[in-house]
Amino acid sequence: MRHTFNLSAIYTIPGRGPLLSGWNVGGIINGRSGIPVPVLIQRNDIVYVDGVGNVFNNAAADRTAVVNTPGGGSSRNQRRPDLIPGVDPFIKNGGLLFLNPAAFATPTPDTSRSRSQSS
């Protein structure tokens, strides 16, 4: 998220007597810009590539095993997808925005873009 704004306030209500004194009213306002959900994809730790460069999830005689997520492991196989240049990542429908699936691509094998890295 690019921008975050937080405001909190407490106001003591003036009053006298045991029932009217000592009351506080509080509020919190939080505003953020950007996409509220992360865009992540799952990647297997090992994939198999044939001579033409096609990527597969299963082994075969003509395929070579490639480490798909360097430093991977079952807890680190989530990655951020690549953004396709020139394709708007949003679909605008009136006043609403939706993610455009055509704007994202699976990173090529043996590239590491972990979910903690920012672009």
N, C-alpha and C. Protein backbone atom coordinates (compact mmCIF):
# COMPACT_ATOMS: atom_id res chain seq x y z
N MET A 1 0.84 -1.17 0.00
CA MET A 1 0.00 0.00 0.00
C MET A 1 0.89 1.23 0.00
N ARG A 2 0.58 2.12 -0.89
CA ARG A 2 1.44 3.28 -1.05
C ARG A 2 1.31 4.30 0.06
N HIS A 3 0.10 4.58 0.50
CA HIS A 3 -0.11 5.61 1.51
C HIS A 3 -1.00 5.07 2.63
N THR A 4 -0.68 5.47 3.84
CA THR A 4 -1.49 5.10 5.00
C THR A 4 -1.70 6.34 5.85
N PHE A 5 -2.93 6.55 6.28
CA PHE A 5 -3.27 7.66 7.17
C PHE A 5 -4.03 7.09 8.35
N ASN A 6 -3.57 7.39 9.56
CA ASN A 6 -4.23 6.95 10.78
C ASN A 6 -4.49 8.16 11.67
N LEU A 7 -5.67 8.24 12.24
CA LEU A 7 -6.02 9.30 13.17
C LEU A 7 -6.81 8.68 14.30
N SER A 8 -6.39 8.95 15.51
CA SER A 8 -7.16 8.50 16.67
C SER A 8 -7.34 9.68 17.62
N ALA A 9 -8.48 9.70 18.28
CA ALA A 9 -8.79 10.81 19.18
C ALA A 9 -9.62 10.31 20.35
N ILE A 10 -9.42 10.95 21.49
CA ILE A 10 -10.23 10.69 22.68
C ILE A 10 -10.73 12.03 23.19
N TYR A 11 -12.01 12.09 23.49
CA TYR A 11 -12.62 13.32 24.00
C TYR A 11 -13.29 12.99 25.33
N THR A 12 -12.96 13.77 26.33
CA THR A 12 -13.59 13.61 27.64
C THR A 12 -14.85 14.47 27.67
N ILE A 13 -15.97 13.83 27.92
CA ILE A 13 -17.25 14.54 27.96
C ILE A 13 -17.35 15.28 29.29
N PRO A 14 -17.58 16.60 29.23
CA PRO A 14 -17.70 17.32 30.48
C PRO A 14 -18.99 16.95 31.21
N GLY A 15 -18.92 16.84 32.48
CA GLY A 15 -20.11 16.50 33.26
C GLY A 15 -19.81 16.57 34.74
N ARG A 16 -20.88 16.61 35.53
CA ARG A 16 -20.73 16.69 36.98
C ARG A 16 -21.54 15.58 37.60
N GLY A 17 -21.12 15.19 38.74
CA GLY A 17 -21.83 14.14 39.47
C GLY A 17 -21.27 12.77 39.13
N PRO A 18 -21.65 11.79 39.93
CA PRO A 18 -21.08 10.45 39.75
C PRO A 18 -21.50 9.76 38.45
N LEU A 19 -22.66 10.10 37.91
CA LEU A 19 -23.12 9.43 36.70
C LEU A 19 -22.67 10.12 35.42
N LEU A 20 -22.44 11.40 35.47
CA LEU A 20 -22.13 12.15 34.26
C LEU A 20 -20.66 12.44 34.08
N SER A 21 -19.85 12.26 35.08
CA SER A 21 -18.43 12.59 34.94
C SER A 21 -17.62 11.33 34.62
N GLY A 22 -16.46 11.53 34.02
CA GLY A 22 -15.55 10.44 33.76
C GLY A 22 -15.79 9.66 32.47
N TRP A 23 -16.66 10.16 31.59
CA TRP A 23 -16.92 9.45 30.34
C TRP A 23 -16.00 9.97 29.23
N ASN A 24 -15.51 9.06 28.43
CA ASN A 24 -14.68 9.40 27.27
C ASN A 24 -15.31 8.83 26.01
N VAL A 25 -15.13 9.53 24.91
CA VAL A 25 -15.56 9.04 23.61
C VAL A 25 -14.30 8.98 22.74
N GLY A 26 -14.10 7.87 22.06
CA GLY A 26 -12.91 7.72 21.23
C GLY A 26 -13.28 7.28 19.83
N GLY A 27 -12.37 7.53 18.93
CA GLY A 27 -12.58 7.11 17.55
C GLY A 27 -11.27 6.91 16.83
N ILE A 28 -11.29 6.06 15.82
CA ILE A 28 -10.11 5.80 15.00
C ILE A 28 -10.54 5.85 13.55
N ILE A 29 -9.76 6.57 12.75
CA ILE A 29 -9.97 6.63 11.31
C ILE A 29 -8.70 6.11 10.65
N ASN A 30 -8.87 5.19 9.70
CA ASN A 30 -7.74 4.62 8.99
C ASN A 30 -8.04 4.66 7.51
N GLY A 31 -7.15 5.23 6.73
CA GLY A 31 -7.33 5.28 5.28
C GLY A 31 -6.07 4.82 4.58
N ARG A 32 -6.21 4.04 3.51
CA ARG A 32 -5.06 3.52 2.76
C ARG A 32 -5.34 3.62 1.27
N SER A 33 -4.29 3.78 0.52
CA SER A 33 -4.42 3.74 -0.93
C SER A 33 -3.72 2.49 -1.44
N GLY A 34 -4.10 2.01 -2.59
CA GLY A 34 -3.48 0.83 -3.17
C GLY A 34 -4.40 -0.36 -3.09
N ILE A 35 -3.88 -1.49 -3.54
CA ILE A 35 -4.64 -2.73 -3.56
C ILE A 35 -4.64 -3.31 -2.15
N PRO A 36 -5.80 -3.66 -1.60
CA PRO A 36 -5.85 -4.14 -0.22
C PRO A 36 -5.46 -5.61 -0.06
N VAL A 37 -5.24 -6.33 -1.16
CA VAL A 37 -4.86 -7.73 -1.07
C VAL A 37 -3.59 -7.95 -1.88
N PRO A 38 -2.70 -8.82 -1.41
CA PRO A 38 -1.50 -9.10 -2.19
C PRO A 38 -1.82 -9.99 -3.39
N VAL A 39 -1.14 -9.77 -4.48
CA VAL A 39 -1.29 -10.62 -5.66
C VAL A 39 -0.14 -11.61 -5.63
N LEU A 40 -0.44 -12.88 -5.35
CA LEU A 40 0.58 -13.92 -5.22
C LEU A 40 0.19 -15.13 -6.05
N ILE A 41 1.18 -15.90 -6.46
CA ILE A 41 0.94 -17.17 -7.14
C ILE A 41 1.74 -18.25 -6.43
N GLN A 42 1.31 -19.50 -6.60
CA GLN A 42 2.03 -20.65 -6.05
C GLN A 42 2.95 -21.19 -7.13
N ARG A 43 4.16 -21.55 -6.75
CA ARG A 43 5.12 -22.14 -7.68
C ARG A 43 5.70 -23.39 -7.05
N ASN A 44 5.77 -24.48 -7.83
CA ASN A 44 6.44 -25.68 -7.35
C ASN A 44 7.93 -25.40 -7.17
N ASP A 45 8.57 -26.12 -6.24
CA ASP A 45 10.00 -25.92 -6.01
C ASP A 45 10.84 -26.43 -7.18
N ILE A 46 10.39 -27.51 -7.82
CA ILE A 46 11.09 -28.10 -8.96
C ILE A 46 10.11 -28.19 -10.12
N VAL A 47 10.55 -27.78 -11.31
CA VAL A 47 9.76 -27.98 -12.54
C VAL A 47 10.66 -28.67 -13.56
N TYR A 48 10.06 -29.10 -14.66
CA TYR A 48 10.79 -29.83 -15.69
C TYR A 48 10.62 -29.11 -17.01
N VAL A 49 11.75 -28.84 -17.68
CA VAL A 49 11.76 -28.07 -18.91
C VAL A 49 12.21 -28.97 -20.05
N ASP A 50 11.47 -28.94 -21.20
CA ASP A 50 11.88 -29.74 -22.35
C ASP A 50 12.84 -28.93 -23.22
N GLY A 51 13.28 -29.51 -24.32
CA GLY A 51 14.26 -28.87 -25.19
C GLY A 51 13.77 -27.60 -25.84
N VAL A 52 12.46 -27.43 -25.98
CA VAL A 52 11.90 -26.23 -26.61
C VAL A 52 11.72 -25.09 -25.60
N GLY A 53 11.73 -25.43 -24.30
CA GLY A 53 11.55 -24.43 -23.26
C GLY A 53 10.20 -24.48 -22.59
N ASN A 54 9.36 -25.46 -22.94
CA ASN A 54 8.07 -25.62 -22.28
C ASN A 54 8.29 -26.12 -20.86
N VAL A 55 7.49 -25.63 -19.93
CA VAL A 55 7.64 -25.97 -18.51
C VAL A 55 6.53 -26.93 -18.10
N PHE A 56 6.91 -27.99 -17.37
CA PHE A 56 5.96 -29.01 -16.92
C PHE A 56 6.14 -29.25 -15.43
N ASN A 57 5.11 -29.79 -14.80
CA ASN A 57 5.18 -30.13 -13.37
C ASN A 57 5.62 -31.57 -13.12
N ASN A 58 5.68 -32.40 -14.17
CA ASN A 58 6.06 -33.79 -13.97
C ASN A 58 7.26 -34.15 -14.85
N ALA A 59 8.02 -35.15 -14.39
CA ALA A 59 9.23 -35.57 -15.09
C ALA A 59 8.88 -36.44 -16.29
N ALA A 60 9.76 -36.42 -17.29
CA ALA A 60 9.68 -37.29 -18.46
C ALA A 60 11.09 -37.43 -19.01
N ALA A 61 11.28 -38.38 -19.94
CA ALA A 61 12.62 -38.67 -20.45
C ALA A 61 13.27 -37.47 -21.13
N ASP A 62 12.51 -36.64 -21.81
CA ASP A 62 13.09 -35.51 -22.54
C ASP A 62 13.09 -34.20 -21.75
N ARG A 63 12.84 -34.25 -20.45
CA ARG A 63 12.74 -33.03 -19.64
C ARG A 63 13.86 -32.97 -18.61
N THR A 64 14.32 -31.75 -18.35
CA THR A 64 15.38 -31.51 -17.37
C THR A 64 14.79 -30.83 -16.14
N ALA A 65 15.17 -31.31 -14.97
CA ALA A 65 14.69 -30.71 -13.72
C ALA A 65 15.37 -29.36 -13.51
N VAL A 66 14.57 -28.37 -13.10
CA VAL A 66 15.08 -27.02 -12.84
C VAL A 66 14.55 -26.58 -11.49
N VAL A 67 15.43 -25.95 -10.70
CA VAL A 67 14.98 -25.38 -9.43
C VAL A 67 14.13 -24.16 -9.78
N ASN A 68 12.85 -24.25 -9.47
CA ASN A 68 11.90 -23.22 -9.85
C ASN A 68 11.94 -22.03 -8.91
N THR A 69 12.07 -22.29 -7.62
CA THR A 69 12.10 -21.21 -6.64
C THR A 69 13.38 -21.36 -5.82
N PRO A 70 14.44 -20.65 -6.21
CA PRO A 70 15.69 -20.74 -5.44
C PRO A 70 15.44 -20.43 -3.97
N GLY A 71 15.97 -21.28 -3.11
CA GLY A 71 15.74 -21.11 -1.68
C GLY A 71 14.32 -21.45 -1.31
N GLY A 72 13.63 -22.19 -2.16
CA GLY A 72 12.22 -22.48 -1.96
C GLY A 72 11.97 -23.42 -0.80
N GLY A 73 10.96 -24.15 -0.86
CA GLY A 73 10.51 -25.00 0.23
C GLY A 73 9.02 -24.79 0.37
N SER A 74 8.37 -25.69 1.04
CA SER A 74 6.91 -25.65 1.09
C SER A 74 6.37 -24.37 1.71
N SER A 75 7.16 -23.71 2.55
CA SER A 75 6.65 -22.50 3.17
C SER A 75 7.05 -21.24 2.41
N ARG A 76 7.87 -21.37 1.34
CA ARG A 76 8.34 -20.19 0.62
C ARG A 76 8.05 -20.26 -0.86
N ASN A 77 7.04 -21.00 -1.28
CA ASN A 77 6.79 -21.14 -2.71
C ASN A 77 5.79 -20.12 -3.25
N GLN A 78 5.40 -19.15 -2.46
CA GLN A 78 4.53 -18.08 -2.96
C GLN A 78 5.40 -16.97 -3.51
N ARG A 79 5.07 -16.53 -4.71
CA ARG A 79 5.82 -15.48 -5.37
C ARG A 79 4.88 -14.46 -5.96
N ARG A 80 5.42 -13.27 -6.18
CA ARG A 80 4.66 -12.25 -6.89
C ARG A 80 4.77 -12.52 -8.38
N PRO A 81 3.67 -12.41 -9.12
CA PRO A 81 3.75 -12.63 -10.55
C PRO A 81 4.44 -11.47 -11.25
N ASP A 82 4.91 -11.73 -12.47
CA ASP A 82 5.48 -10.65 -13.28
C ASP A 82 4.34 -9.83 -13.86
N LEU A 83 4.53 -8.53 -13.95
CA LEU A 83 3.56 -7.63 -14.56
C LEU A 83 3.90 -7.51 -16.04
N ILE A 84 2.94 -7.74 -16.90
CA ILE A 84 3.15 -7.67 -18.34
C ILE A 84 3.15 -6.20 -18.75
N PRO A 85 4.26 -5.73 -19.35
CA PRO A 85 4.35 -4.31 -19.72
C PRO A 85 3.25 -3.92 -20.71
N GLY A 86 2.68 -2.76 -20.50
CA GLY A 86 1.68 -2.21 -21.41
C GLY A 86 0.26 -2.70 -21.17
N VAL A 87 0.08 -3.65 -20.23
CA VAL A 87 -1.26 -4.15 -19.94
C VAL A 87 -1.71 -3.56 -18.60
N ASP A 88 -2.85 -2.90 -18.60
CA ASP A 88 -3.37 -2.29 -17.38
C ASP A 88 -3.74 -3.39 -16.38
N PRO A 89 -3.19 -3.34 -15.15
CA PRO A 89 -3.50 -4.39 -14.17
C PRO A 89 -4.92 -4.29 -13.60
N PHE A 90 -5.66 -3.27 -14.01
CA PHE A 90 -7.02 -3.10 -13.49
C PHE A 90 -8.04 -3.10 -14.62
N ILE A 91 -9.20 -3.63 -14.32
CA ILE A 91 -10.36 -3.53 -15.21
C ILE A 91 -11.30 -2.55 -14.52
N LYS A 92 -11.65 -1.49 -15.21
CA LYS A 92 -12.52 -0.46 -14.63
C LYS A 92 -13.95 -0.71 -15.08
N ASN A 93 -14.84 -0.78 -14.11
CA ASN A 93 -16.25 -1.00 -14.41
C ASN A 93 -17.03 0.02 -13.60
N GLY A 94 -17.36 1.13 -14.24
CA GLY A 94 -18.01 2.22 -13.52
C GLY A 94 -17.05 2.79 -12.49
N GLY A 95 -17.45 2.82 -11.24
CA GLY A 95 -16.58 3.31 -10.18
C GLY A 95 -15.79 2.21 -9.50
N LEU A 96 -15.90 0.97 -9.99
CA LEU A 96 -15.22 -0.16 -9.36
C LEU A 96 -13.96 -0.55 -10.13
N LEU A 97 -12.98 -1.08 -9.40
CA LEU A 97 -11.76 -1.59 -10.00
C LEU A 97 -11.64 -3.08 -9.71
N PHE A 98 -11.26 -3.85 -10.71
CA PHE A 98 -11.01 -5.28 -10.56
C PHE A 98 -9.63 -5.59 -11.08
N LEU A 99 -8.99 -6.63 -10.55
CA LEU A 99 -7.69 -7.03 -11.07
C LEU A 99 -7.87 -7.68 -12.44
N ASN A 100 -6.96 -7.37 -13.36
CA ASN A 100 -6.98 -7.92 -14.71
C ASN A 100 -6.04 -9.12 -14.76
N PRO A 101 -6.55 -10.35 -14.82
CA PRO A 101 -5.67 -11.53 -14.83
C PRO A 101 -4.72 -11.55 -16.03
N ALA A 102 -5.09 -10.91 -17.14
CA ALA A 102 -4.24 -10.89 -18.32
C ALA A 102 -3.00 -10.02 -18.14
N ALA A 103 -2.93 -9.24 -17.07
CA ALA A 103 -1.80 -8.36 -16.84
C ALA A 103 -0.67 -9.03 -16.05
N PHE A 104 -0.88 -10.28 -15.62
CA PHE A 104 0.11 -10.96 -14.78
C PHE A 104 0.56 -12.25 -15.44
N ALA A 105 1.85 -12.59 -15.26
CA ALA A 105 2.40 -13.82 -15.83
C ALA A 105 3.23 -14.53 -14.77
N THR A 106 3.31 -15.85 -14.88
CA THR A 106 4.13 -16.64 -13.98
C THR A 106 5.60 -16.38 -14.31
N PRO A 107 6.42 -16.05 -13.31
CA PRO A 107 7.84 -15.83 -13.58
C PRO A 107 8.50 -17.09 -14.15
N THR A 108 9.51 -16.90 -14.97
CA THR A 108 10.20 -18.04 -15.55
C THR A 108 10.91 -18.84 -14.46
N PRO A 109 11.13 -20.15 -14.71
CA PRO A 109 11.81 -20.97 -13.71
C PRO A 109 13.18 -20.40 -13.37
N ASP A 110 13.61 -20.66 -12.17
CA ASP A 110 14.92 -20.26 -11.65
C ASP A 110 15.03 -18.76 -11.41
N THR A 111 13.88 -18.09 -11.23
CA THR A 111 13.90 -16.69 -10.82
C THR A 111 13.30 -16.61 -9.44
N SER A 112 13.80 -15.72 -8.64
CA SER A 112 13.35 -15.62 -7.26
C SER A 112 12.83 -14.23 -7.00
N ARG A 113 11.52 -14.11 -6.79
CA ARG A 113 10.89 -12.87 -6.35
C ARG A 113 9.99 -13.25 -5.21
N SER A 114 10.51 -13.18 -4.02
CA SER A 114 9.72 -13.62 -2.87
C SER A 114 8.64 -12.62 -2.54
N ARG A 115 7.66 -13.05 -1.75
CA ARG A 115 6.54 -12.19 -1.39
C ARG A 115 6.97 -11.03 -0.51
N SER A 116 8.16 -11.12 0.10
CA SER A 116 8.61 -10.02 0.94
C SER A 116 9.31 -8.94 0.15
N GLN A 117 9.67 -9.21 -1.13
CA GLN A 117 10.31 -8.21 -1.95
C GLN A 117 9.25 -7.32 -2.56
N SER A 118 9.59 -6.06 -2.75
CA SER A 118 8.66 -5.14 -3.38
C SER A 118 9.17 -4.78 -4.75
N SER A 119 8.24 -4.40 -5.62
CA SER A 119 8.65 -4.00 -6.97
C SER A 119 8.33 -2.56 -7.20
